[in-house]
């Protein structure tokens, strides 16, 4: 699965191992290793987390 943010595509390989959030920064580990994403604001971070959790189910 992939997520596009500001024209960049982030590929996520299931399963997710961990998710950590601090304000507008999201760090998570998937099958291919740790990844981080810095979003414009907390609203965008929440939108990404909602998408990530829905895709995880």
C-alpha atoms as a PDB file:
ATOM      1  CA  UNK A   1       0.000   0.000   0.000  1.00  0.00           C
ATOM      2  CA  UNK A   2       1.171   3.522  -0.559  1.00  0.00           C
ATOM      3  CA  UNK A   3       0.410   7.018   0.679  1.00  0.00           C
ATOM      4  CA  UNK A   4       1.068  10.183  -1.309  1.00  0.00           C
ATOM      5  CA  UNK A   5       1.930  13.375   0.567  1.00  0.00           C
ATOM      6  CA  UNK A   6       3.177  16.558  -1.116  1.00  0.00           C
ATOM      7  CA  UNK A   7       3.778  14.667  -4.328  1.00  0.00           C
ATOM      8  CA  UNK A   8       5.973  12.026  -2.685  1.00  0.00           C
ATOM      9  CA  UNK A   9       4.863   8.429  -2.446  1.00  0.00           C
ATOM     10  CA  UNK A  10       5.527   6.496   0.753  1.00  0.00           C
ATOM     11  CA  UNK A  11       5.300   2.716   0.387  1.00  0.00           C
ATOM     12  CA  UNK A  12       4.231   0.711   3.418  1.00  0.00           C
ATOM     13  CA  UNK A  13       4.790  -3.049   3.575  1.00  0.00           C
ATOM     14  CA  UNK A  14       2.466  -4.951   5.923  1.00  0.00           C
ATOM     15  CA  UNK A  15       2.621  -5.912   8.711  1.00  0.00           C
ATOM     16  CA  UNK A  16       3.237  -2.793  10.792  1.00  0.00           C
ATOM     17  CA  UNK A  17       5.290  -3.444  13.919  1.00  0.00           C
ATOM     18  CA  UNK A  18       5.048  -0.103  15.733  1.00  0.00           C
ATOM     19  CA  UNK A  19       3.692   3.427  15.389  1.00  0.00           C
ATOM     20  CA  UNK A  20       4.886   6.482  17.328  1.00  0.00           C
ATOM     21  CA  UNK A  21       3.531  10.031  17.079  1.00  0.00           C
ATOM     22  CA  UNK A  22       4.873  13.339  18.382  1.00  0.00           C
ATOM     23  CA  UNK A  23       2.906  16.385  17.222  1.00  0.00           C
ATOM     24  CA  UNK A  24       3.268  16.329  13.430  1.00  0.00           C
ATOM     25  CA  UNK A  25       5.954  13.616  13.214  1.00  0.00           C
ATOM     26  CA  UNK A  26       5.029   9.972  12.684  1.00  0.00           C
ATOM     27  CA  UNK A  27       7.553   7.150  13.005  1.00  0.00           C
ATOM     28  CA  UNK A  28       6.588   3.575  12.256  1.00  0.00           C
ATOM     29  CA  UNK A  29       8.172   0.224  11.505  1.00  0.00           C
ATOM     30  CA  UNK A  30       6.915  -2.041   8.789  1.00  0.00           C
ATOM     31  CA  UNK A  31       8.287  -5.231   7.275  1.00  0.00           C
ATOM     32  CA  UNK A  32      10.975  -3.284   5.384  1.00  0.00           C
ATOM     33  CA  UNK A  33      12.205  -1.356   8.457  1.00  0.00           C
ATOM     34  CA  UNK A  34      11.676   1.959  10.266  1.00  0.00           C
ATOM     35  CA  UNK A  35      10.277   4.965   8.406  1.00  0.00           C
ATOM     36  CA  UNK A  36       9.410   8.521   9.419  1.00  0.00           C
ATOM     37  CA  UNK A  37       7.144  11.169   8.020  1.00  0.00           C
ATOM     38  CA  UNK A  38       6.991  14.826   9.053  1.00  0.00           C
ATOM     39  CA  UNK A  39       3.666  16.383   8.139  1.00  0.00           C
ATOM     40  CA  UNK A  40       2.700  20.047   7.878  1.00  0.00           C
ATOM     41  CA  UNK A  41       0.602  20.070  11.056  1.00  0.00           C
ATOM     42  CA  UNK A  42      -1.169  17.850  13.572  1.00  0.00           C
ATOM     43  CA  UNK A  43      -4.337  17.756  11.446  1.00  0.00           C
ATOM     44  CA  UNK A  44      -2.369  16.168   8.581  1.00  0.00           C
ATOM     45  CA  UNK A  45      -0.711  13.765  11.028  1.00  0.00           C
ATOM     46  CA  UNK A  46      -4.121  12.656  12.319  1.00  0.00           C
ATOM     47  CA  UNK A  47      -5.346  12.165   8.741  1.00  0.00           C
ATOM     48  CA  UNK A  48      -2.310   9.988   7.965  1.00  0.00           C
ATOM     49  CA  UNK A  49      -2.750   7.965  11.168  1.00  0.00           C
ATOM     50  CA  UNK A  50      -6.430   7.356  10.381  1.00  0.00           C
ATOM     51  CA  UNK A  51      -5.448   6.099   6.929  1.00  0.00           C
ATOM     52  CA  UNK A  52      -2.639   3.949   8.356  1.00  0.00           C
ATOM     53  CA  UNK A  53      -4.871   2.319  10.960  1.00  0.00           C
ATOM     54  CA  UNK A  54      -7.665   1.663   8.444  1.00  0.00           C
ATOM     55  CA  UNK A  55      -5.209   0.026   6.031  1.00  0.00           C
ATOM     56  CA  UNK A  56      -3.766  -2.038   8.860  1.00  0.00           C
ATOM     57  CA  UNK A  57      -7.128  -3.651   9.630  1.00  0.00           C
END
